[in-house]
Structures are given as structure tokens and as C-alpha cells.
Amino acid sequence: MISPVIGNITSRFGKRKHPISGVESFHNGIDLACPTGSAVVAPADGKILRLWTDPRGGMSLSMVSNDGIRFGFAHLENRLVKQGQEVREGDVIALSGNTGHTTGPHLHFTMSKDGVWIDPLVHLTPALSSRRGSQDVTVL
């Protein structure tokens, strides 16, 4: 599994103080700061499940890998895939952005399996070092 974008981790999975509301809450993914328009790639082979836009996450999409892991991508500038489309690991599926409630351009990236949230860093840390341009990735 590869990292969906090259960027610095600015917020980790789990309990945190929300950067906008200031309220302590559960963060269901990781935030990767990256310039608007950065390529967002499929972290694994799979299928695009859903495309949507809402005030909180902005332009978003979800996909499921062939082994049943669901991935979510939020705050996008543009989606380059369609619902139901098959994708391969490394395919560019979107461009990162600054849509929805944000403090700056980044990708909010989530993982879940059987309805349970998963910390993406547990699965992506080894992949972060192998992703092209990995010298730009910082794991805090």
C-alpha cells in the first residue's frame, strides 16, 4: 500500500484538539499538508465507491481495495475518476485542495475495515519511504 500524496503529516489519527473548533474530538484519519493541485493516487488496487461534496470535508471521494479496505479522501480540488471505476495502485484519482473546513491545503485520508477506523500510519509508514519523492514526506 502506498501513500496517496506526498506531504507532511500535520494531524494524526485519534484524539486531538480540533484546529478550527478547539474542541477535543476523534480524528478518523491523518492530514497530509500538500500544495493545492498535488496528485492524489490510489493507495491500492480497487474500485471507486462514491463521490460527494459537503461543507465539512469539501469535495471528497471513497474507494475500496480488492481486499476490502475502505479509503476516504477529503478537501479535494478535483476528482479525476467516476463512481464504479476500477483503479490500480498509483493511478492519479484526484487533485488535492482546500475545500470544506480547513486551515490550509491538505489531504484528509482515512482507512476503515468492516466499519472500524484504522490508523493509516500503521499501514503506510513503510510505504511512505518507498513512494516517489519520499524525501518530501515527513512523519512527525
C-alpha atoms as a PDB file:
ATOM      1  CA  MET A   1       0.000   0.000   0.000  1.00  0.00           C
ATOM      2  CA  ILE A   2       1.408   3.410  -0.965  1.00  0.00           C
ATOM      3  CA  SER A   3       0.853   6.899   0.393  1.00  0.00           C
ATOM      4  CA  PRO A   4      -1.881   8.727  -1.544  1.00  0.00           C
ATOM      5  CA  VAL A   5       0.040  12.016  -1.633  1.00  0.00           C
ATOM      6  CA  ILE A   6       3.465  13.428  -0.863  1.00  0.00           C
ATOM      7  CA  GLY A   7       3.213  15.787   2.089  1.00  0.00           C
ATOM      8  CA  ASN A   8       3.897  16.498   5.722  1.00  0.00           C
ATOM      9  CA  ILE A   9       1.681  14.912   8.357  1.00  0.00           C
ATOM     10  CA  THR A  10       0.029  17.798  10.181  1.00  0.00           C
ATOM     11  CA  SER A  11      -2.573  15.877  12.193  1.00  0.00           C
ATOM     12  CA  ARG A  12      -2.525  12.259  13.308  1.00  0.00           C
ATOM     13  CA  PHE A  13      -5.233   9.650  13.825  1.00  0.00           C
ATOM     14  CA  GLY A  14      -7.021   9.606  17.173  1.00  0.00           C
ATOM     15  CA  LYS A  15      -7.954  12.069  19.873  1.00  0.00           C
ATOM     16  CA  ARG A  16      -6.959  15.656  19.140  1.00  0.00           C
ATOM     17  CA  LYS A  17      -7.899  19.278  19.689  1.00  0.00           C
ATOM     18  CA  HIS A  18      -9.726  20.330  16.500  1.00  0.00           C
ATOM     19  CA  PRO A  19      -7.740  23.116  14.808  1.00  0.00           C
ATOM     20  CA  ILE A  20     -10.865  25.167  13.947  1.00  0.00           C
ATOM     21  CA  SER A  21     -13.358  24.491  16.758  1.00  0.00           C
ATOM     22  CA  GLY A  22     -10.781  23.956  19.509  1.00  0.00           C
ATOM     23  CA  VAL A  23     -12.877  21.055  20.821  1.00  0.00           C
ATOM     24  CA  GLU A  24     -11.184  17.765  21.686  1.00  0.00           C
ATOM     25  CA  SER A  25     -12.543  15.086  19.357  1.00  0.00           C
ATOM     26  CA  PHE A  26     -11.653  11.897  17.497  1.00  0.00           C
ATOM     27  CA  HIS A  27      -9.795  12.402  14.195  1.00  0.00           C
ATOM     28  CA  ASN A  28     -10.646   9.452  11.931  1.00  0.00           C
ATOM     29  CA  GLY A  29      -7.629   9.775   9.648  1.00  0.00           C
ATOM     30  CA  ILE A  30      -4.446  11.696   9.005  1.00  0.00           C
ATOM     31  CA  ASP A  31      -3.936  15.088   7.400  1.00  0.00           C
ATOM     32  CA  LEU A  32      -1.155  15.460   4.858  1.00  0.00           C
ATOM     33  CA  ALA A  33      -0.261  19.065   4.020  1.00  0.00           C
ATOM     34  CA  CYS A  34       0.487  19.495   0.332  1.00  0.00           C
ATOM     35  CA  PRO A  35       0.094  22.214  -2.286  1.00  0.00           C
ATOM     36  CA  THR A  36      -3.319  22.585  -3.920  1.00  0.00           C
ATOM     37  CA  GLY A  37      -3.311  20.569  -7.129  1.00  0.00           C
ATOM     38  CA  SER A  38      -0.977  17.829  -5.872  1.00  0.00           C
ATOM     39  CA  ALA A  39      -1.613  14.395  -7.405  1.00  0.00           C
ATOM     40  CA  VAL A  40      -3.632  12.078  -5.132  1.00  0.00           C
ATOM     41  CA  VAL A  41      -3.073   8.435  -6.053  1.00  0.00           C
ATOM     42  CA  ALA A  42      -4.912   5.215  -5.273  1.00  0.00           C
ATOM     43  CA  PRO A  43      -3.037   3.582  -2.371  1.00  0.00           C
ATOM     44  CA  ALA A  44      -4.032   0.103  -3.596  1.00  0.00           C
ATOM     45  CA  ASP A  45      -5.870  -1.650  -6.420  1.00  0.00           C
ATOM     46  CA  GLY A  46      -9.643  -1.302  -6.081  1.00  0.00           C
ATOM     47  CA  LYS A  47     -12.830   0.477  -7.102  1.00  0.00           C
ATOM     48  CA  ILE A  48     -14.208   3.992  -6.614  1.00  0.00           C
ATOM     49  CA  LEU A  49     -17.279   3.779  -4.355  1.00  0.00           C
ATOM     50  CA  ARG A  50     -18.662   7.278  -4.034  1.00  0.00           C
ATOM     51  CA  LEU A  51     -18.106  10.948  -4.965  1.00  0.00           C
ATOM     52  CA  TRP A  52     -19.662  13.754  -2.891  1.00  0.00           C
ATOM     53  CA  THR A  53     -19.262  17.299  -1.604  1.00  0.00           C
ATOM     54  CA  ASP A  54     -20.253  18.583   1.828  1.00  0.00           C
ATOM     55  CA  PRO A  55     -19.481  21.668   3.929  1.00  0.00           C
ATOM     56  CA  ARG A  56     -17.105  19.893   6.332  1.00  0.00           C
ATOM     57  CA  GLY A  57     -14.984  17.671   4.069  1.00  0.00           C
ATOM     58  CA  GLY A  58     -15.467  19.652   0.883  1.00  0.00           C
ATOM     59  CA  MET A  59     -15.032  17.722  -2.343  1.00  0.00           C
ATOM     60  CA  SER A  60     -14.478  14.073  -1.369  1.00  0.00           C
ATOM     61  CA  LEU A  61     -14.361  10.521  -2.674  1.00  0.00           C
ATOM     62  CA  SER A  62     -14.094   6.995  -1.324  1.00  0.00           C
ATOM     63  CA  MET A  63     -12.750   3.752  -2.720  1.00  0.00           C
ATOM     64  CA  VAL A  64     -12.455   0.146  -1.608  1.00  0.00           C
ATOM     65  CA  SER A  65      -9.397  -2.014  -2.165  1.00  0.00           C
ATOM     66  CA  ASN A  66      -9.636  -5.521  -3.556  1.00  0.00           C
ATOM     67  CA  ASP A  67      -9.083  -6.844  -0.015  1.00  0.00           C
ATOM     68  CA  GLY A  68     -11.938  -4.794   1.473  1.00  0.00           C
ATOM     69  CA  ILE A  69     -10.168  -1.780   2.994  1.00  0.00           C
ATOM     70  CA  ARG A  70     -12.131   1.443   2.501  1.00  0.00           C
ATOM     71  CA  PHE A  71     -10.239   4.667   1.862  1.00  0.00           C
ATOM     72  CA  GLY A  72     -11.566   8.206   2.122  1.00  0.00           C
ATOM     73  CA  PHE A  73     -10.079  11.357   0.591  1.00  0.00           C
ATOM     74  CA  ALA A  74     -11.362  14.828   1.555  1.00  0.00           C
ATOM     75  CA  HIS A  75     -10.698  18.531   0.804  1.00  0.00           C
ATOM     76  CA  LEU A  76     -10.013  17.801  -2.880  1.00  0.00           C
ATOM     77  CA  GLU A  77      -9.737  20.387  -5.646  1.00  0.00           C
ATOM     78  CA  ASN A  78     -10.795  17.988  -8.401  1.00  0.00           C
ATOM     79  CA  ARG A  79     -11.828  14.336  -8.811  1.00  0.00           C
ATOM     80  CA  LEU A  80     -10.431  12.521 -11.837  1.00  0.00           C
ATOM     81  CA  VAL A  81     -12.455   9.292 -11.507  1.00  0.00           C
ATOM     82  CA  LYS A  82     -16.076   8.155 -11.726  1.00  0.00           C
ATOM     83  CA  GLN A  83     -18.159   6.078  -9.335  1.00  0.00           C
ATOM     84  CA  GLY A  84     -17.616   2.376 -10.036  1.00  0.00           C
ATOM     85  CA  GLN A  85     -14.327   2.931 -11.866  1.00  0.00           C
ATOM     86  CA  GLU A  86     -11.618   0.328 -11.312  1.00  0.00           C
ATOM     87  CA  VAL A  87      -8.251   1.804 -10.278  1.00  0.00           C
ATOM     88  CA  ARG A  88      -4.761   0.436  -9.851  1.00  0.00           C
ATOM     89  CA  GLU A  89      -2.305   1.314  -7.100  1.00  0.00           C
ATOM     90  CA  GLY A  90      -0.578   4.562  -8.105  1.00  0.00           C
ATOM     91  CA  ASP A  91      -3.289   5.784 -10.513  1.00  0.00           C
ATOM     92  CA  VAL A  92      -3.959   9.506 -10.089  1.00  0.00           C
ATOM     93  CA  ILE A  93      -7.553   9.702  -8.827  1.00  0.00           C
ATOM     94  CA  ALA A  94      -7.807  13.343  -7.717  1.00  0.00           C
ATOM     95  CA  LEU A  95      -6.015  16.614  -7.076  1.00  0.00           C
ATOM     96  CA  SER A  96      -5.568  17.840  -3.525  1.00  0.00           C
ATOM     97  CA  GLY A  97      -7.221  21.057  -2.488  1.00  0.00           C
ATOM     98  CA  ASN A  98      -8.523  23.317   0.233  1.00  0.00           C
ATOM     99  CA  THR A  99     -12.300  22.709   0.066  1.00  0.00           C
ATOM    100  CA  GLY A 100     -14.581  22.413   3.096  1.00  0.00           C
ATOM    101  CA  HIS A 101     -13.496  23.408   6.603  1.00  0.00           C
ATOM    102  CA  THR A 102      -9.706  23.622   6.552  1.00  0.00           C
ATOM    103  CA  THR A 103      -6.823  25.655   7.909  1.00  0.00           C
ATOM    104  CA  GLY A 104      -4.918  25.268   4.635  1.00  0.00           C
ATOM    105  CA  PRO A 105      -4.393  22.959   1.658  1.00  0.00           C
ATOM    106  CA  HIS A 106      -4.125  19.300   2.638  1.00  0.00           C
ATOM    107  CA  LEU A 107      -5.499  15.811   2.075  1.00  0.00           C
ATOM    108  CA  HIS A 108      -7.578  14.233   4.840  1.00  0.00           C
ATOM    109  CA  PHE A 109      -7.032  10.487   4.375  1.00  0.00           C
ATOM    110  CA  THR A 110      -8.991   7.743   6.144  1.00  0.00           C
ATOM    111  CA  MET A 111      -8.960   3.949   6.233  1.00  0.00           C
ATOM    112  CA  SER A 112     -11.522   1.507   7.617  1.00  0.00           C
ATOM    113  CA  LYS A 113     -12.249  -2.207   7.506  1.00  0.00           C
ATOM    114  CA  ASP A 114     -15.591  -3.772   8.452  1.00  0.00           C
ATOM    115  CA  GLY A 115     -16.791  -0.390   9.751  1.00  0.00           C
ATOM    116  CA  VAL A 116     -13.830   0.131  12.110  1.00  0.00           C
ATOM    117  CA  TRP A 117     -11.491   3.113  11.602  1.00  0.00           C
ATOM    118  CA  ILE A 118      -7.824   2.185  11.077  1.00  0.00           C
ATOM    119  CA  ASP A 119      -4.798   4.409  11.702  1.00  0.00           C
ATOM    120  CA  PRO A 120      -3.344   4.897   8.203  1.00  0.00           C
ATOM    121  CA  LEU A 121       0.187   5.334   9.568  1.00  0.00           C
ATOM    122  CA  VAL A 122       0.224   1.735  10.811  1.00  0.00           C
ATOM    123  CA  HIS A 123      -0.105   0.596   7.195  1.00  0.00           C
ATOM    124  CA  LEU A 124       1.502   3.446   5.292  1.00  0.00           C
ATOM    125  CA  THR A 125       4.696   4.171   7.236  1.00  0.00           C
ATOM    126  CA  PRO A 126       6.728   1.543   5.332  1.00  0.00           C
ATOM    127  CA  ALA A 127       5.177   2.780   2.084  1.00  0.00           C
ATOM    128  CA  LEU A 128       5.972   6.422   2.834  1.00  0.00           C
ATOM    129  CA  SER A 129       9.653   5.665   2.427  1.00  0.00           C
ATOM    130  CA  SER A 130       9.096   3.937  -0.925  1.00  0.00           C
ATOM    131  CA  ARG A 131       6.716   6.491  -2.512  1.00  0.00           C
ATOM    132  CA  ARG A 132       8.250   8.556  -5.299  1.00  0.00           C
ATOM    133  CA  GLY A 133       9.632  11.817  -3.929  1.00  0.00           C
ATOM    134  CA  SER A 134       9.658  10.358  -0.418  1.00  0.00           C
ATOM    135  CA  GLN A 135      12.299  12.862   0.673  1.00  0.00           C
ATOM    136  CA  ASP A 136       9.385  15.344   0.867  1.00  0.00           C
ATOM    137  CA  VAL A 137       7.434  13.185   3.323  1.00  0.00           C
ATOM    138  CA  THR A 138       7.826  13.929   6.996  1.00  0.00           C
ATOM    139  CA  VAL A 139       6.487  11.564   9.641  1.00  0.00           C
ATOM    140  CA  LEU A 140       6.221  13.576  12.845  1.00  0.00           C
END
